[in-house]
Amino acid sequence: MVARKKIDRLSENFNKKSPYYPTLTDAELWFDILNNIIFKRKLPAFDSISIRRLRGAVGQVVFEDQQKLTRKRKRKPRECHLELHYKMKSFNTFLEVLGHEMVHLWQYYMLEDNSCNHNIDFYKWRRVFGANGLKLTLTVDNETTNID
């Protein structure tokens, strides 16, 4: 219950207007906040975050293939990039989309699950999100559908 108040208190000064236009600064700031509150600081940062027009999605995670990555350049064996749509239905939608994509990041790094599907490992975060005042949802074309 304390965490719910913390997220509400932290977000009260953010743009509550509809629609909401996220910025890179907002995405980085709220990644850190959600990582601290929901994921207990266990997630690594996304390798990059871009905000652009997405067709048929409001957010997605792009994973780099390990073999291609190590052949092309001698860098990290695993990379994960976040893409967010430039326009969200509301600020709350932005937080829920960011949180949703962070669960995929958790699957990728903590479980080393390259599929990152909406499976039992994904759904187990629903209760934690709810306890913190957020819904873990699937969003399609900026219309929220609850996961049951």
Protein backbone atom coordinates (compact mmCIF):
# COMPACT_ATOMS: atom_id res chain seq x y z
CA MET A 1 0.00 0.00 0.00
CA VAL A 2 2.90 2.37 0.71
CA ALA A 3 4.30 1.82 -2.79
CA ARG A 4 0.95 2.72 -4.37
CA LYS A 5 0.97 6.04 -2.57
CA LYS A 6 4.59 6.55 -3.61
CA ILE A 7 3.82 6.09 -7.35
CA ASP A 8 0.73 8.29 -7.07
CA ARG A 9 2.68 10.97 -5.21
CA LEU A 10 5.57 10.88 -7.68
CA SER A 11 3.27 11.12 -10.69
CA GLU A 12 0.95 13.87 -9.41
CA ASN A 13 2.99 16.65 -11.05
CA PHE A 14 3.14 14.94 -14.44
CA ASN A 15 0.93 15.79 -17.35
CA LYS A 16 -2.47 14.26 -16.63
CA LYS A 17 -3.95 15.57 -19.88
CA SER A 18 -5.13 13.26 -22.62
CA PRO A 19 -3.37 12.49 -24.88
CA TYR A 20 0.09 12.22 -23.32
CA TYR A 21 3.26 12.73 -25.36
CA PRO A 22 6.15 10.90 -23.65
CA THR A 23 9.69 12.21 -23.82
CA LEU A 24 12.98 10.37 -23.57
CA THR A 25 13.59 12.06 -20.21
CA ASP A 26 10.20 10.80 -18.92
CA ALA A 27 10.92 7.28 -20.13
CA GLU A 28 14.34 7.18 -18.43
CA LEU A 29 13.03 8.73 -15.21
CA TRP A 30 10.02 6.42 -14.93
CA PHE A 31 12.12 3.38 -15.87
CA ASP A 32 14.25 4.13 -12.80
CA ILE A 33 11.20 4.70 -10.59
CA LEU A 34 9.43 1.51 -11.67
CA ASN A 35 12.68 -0.44 -11.48
CA ASN A 36 13.15 0.70 -7.87
CA ILE A 37 9.57 0.13 -6.72
CA ILE A 38 8.40 -2.92 -8.69
CA PHE A 39 11.57 -4.74 -9.72
CA LYS A 40 13.69 -3.95 -6.62
CA ARG A 41 16.49 -2.45 -8.76
CA LYS A 42 17.25 -5.76 -10.47
CA LEU A 43 16.72 -4.73 -14.09
CA PRO A 44 19.54 -3.44 -16.26
CA ALA A 45 18.73 -0.34 -18.30
CA PHE A 46 17.54 -0.73 -21.88
CA ASP A 47 20.45 -0.36 -24.30
CA SER A 48 18.47 2.35 -26.07
CA ILE A 49 15.05 3.99 -25.89
CA SER A 50 13.38 5.57 -28.89
CA ILE A 51 10.06 7.39 -29.15
CA ARG A 52 8.55 7.28 -32.60
CA ARG A 53 5.46 6.36 -34.55
CA LEU A 54 4.64 2.67 -34.17
CA ARG A 55 2.00 0.94 -36.23
CA GLY A 56 -0.28 -1.44 -34.33
CA ALA A 57 1.53 -1.03 -31.00
CA VAL A 58 2.21 1.55 -28.31
CA GLY A 59 5.41 -0.10 -27.15
CA GLN A 60 7.74 -2.91 -28.05
CA VAL A 61 11.05 -4.41 -27.06
CA VAL A 62 13.55 -5.30 -29.79
CA PHE A 63 16.13 -7.94 -28.91
CA GLU A 64 19.45 -8.32 -30.70
CA ASP A 65 20.38 -11.84 -31.72
CA GLN A 66 23.45 -12.91 -29.74
CA GLN A 67 25.31 -14.55 -32.63
CA LYS A 68 24.73 -11.71 -35.08
CA LEU A 69 25.67 -9.16 -32.44
CA THR A 70 29.00 -10.74 -31.53
CA ARG A 71 29.93 -11.20 -35.20
CA LYS A 72 29.03 -7.63 -36.18
CA ARG A 73 30.70 -5.88 -33.27
CA LYS A 74 32.50 -6.90 -30.13
CA ARG A 75 30.05 -5.64 -27.56
CA LYS A 76 27.62 -7.12 -25.09
CA PRO A 77 26.34 -10.59 -25.98
CA ARG A 78 22.73 -9.49 -25.32
CA GLU A 79 21.09 -6.19 -26.20
CA CYS A 80 17.56 -5.00 -25.59
CA HIS A 81 16.03 -1.84 -27.10
CA LEU A 82 12.76 -0.14 -26.10
CA GLU A 83 10.52 1.58 -28.63
CA LEU A 84 7.55 3.68 -27.47
CA HIS A 85 4.82 5.29 -29.54
CA TYR A 86 5.07 9.09 -29.58
CA LYS A 87 1.47 9.53 -28.38
CA MET A 88 -0.27 7.71 -25.55
CA LYS A 89 -3.92 7.77 -24.50
CA SER A 90 -2.92 9.11 -21.04
CA PHE A 91 0.01 9.36 -18.63
CA ASN A 92 -1.27 6.24 -16.88
CA THR A 93 -1.21 4.35 -20.20
CA PHE A 94 2.42 5.43 -20.60
CA LEU A 95 3.31 4.01 -17.15
CA GLU A 96 1.50 0.74 -17.85
CA VAL A 97 3.10 0.32 -21.29
CA LEU A 98 6.55 1.05 -19.88
CA GLY A 99 5.95 -1.43 -17.05
CA HIS A 100 4.70 -4.05 -19.52
CA GLU A 101 7.88 -3.73 -21.60
CA MET A 102 9.99 -3.87 -18.43
CA VAL A 103 8.46 -7.29 -17.66
CA HIS A 104 9.71 -8.44 -21.07
CA LEU A 105 13.16 -7.06 -20.18
CA TRP A 106 13.01 -9.04 -16.94
CA GLN A 107 12.09 -12.22 -18.87
CA TYR A 108 14.96 -11.66 -21.29
CA TYR A 109 17.70 -11.00 -18.74
CA MET A 110 16.62 -12.78 -15.57
CA LEU A 111 15.15 -15.90 -17.17
CA GLU A 112 17.28 -15.75 -20.32
CA ASP A 113 14.03 -16.34 -22.19
CA ASN A 114 14.54 -15.24 -25.78
CA SER A 115 10.83 -15.65 -26.64
CA CYS A 116 9.56 -13.22 -23.94
CA ASN A 117 5.99 -14.37 -24.54
CA HIS A 118 2.93 -13.46 -22.51
CA ASN A 119 3.21 -16.68 -20.53
CA ILE A 120 3.01 -17.67 -16.87
CA ASP A 121 6.30 -15.89 -16.12
CA PHE A 122 4.83 -12.71 -17.58
CA TYR A 123 1.47 -13.02 -15.82
CA LYS A 124 2.98 -13.55 -12.38
CA TRP A 125 3.78 -9.80 -12.29
CA ARG A 126 0.08 -8.88 -12.41
CA ARG A 127 -0.31 -9.00 -8.62
CA VAL A 128 2.84 -6.90 -8.01
CA PHE A 129 1.64 -4.27 -10.51
CA GLY A 130 -1.82 -4.20 -8.90
CA ALA A 131 -0.32 -3.74 -5.43
CA ASN A 132 1.49 -0.69 -6.79
CA GLY A 133 -1.56 0.89 -8.42
CA LEU A 134 -0.84 -0.17 -12.02
CA LYS A 135 -2.53 -2.66 -14.32
CA LEU A 136 -0.48 -5.16 -16.25
CA THR A 137 -2.29 -4.95 -19.57
CA LEU A 138 -2.01 -5.75 -23.22
CA THR A 139 -2.45 -2.62 -25.30
CA VAL A 140 -3.33 -2.59 -28.96
CA ASP A 141 -3.70 0.69 -30.87
CA ASN A 142 -3.75 2.62 -27.59
CA GLU A 143 -6.85 0.76 -26.42
CA THR A 144 -6.24 -1.07 -23.17
CA THR A 145 -7.36 -4.68 -22.76
CA ASN A 146 -7.01 -6.23 -19.30
CA ILE A 147 -5.14 -9.50 -19.06
CA ASP A 148 -7.34 -12.15 -17.45
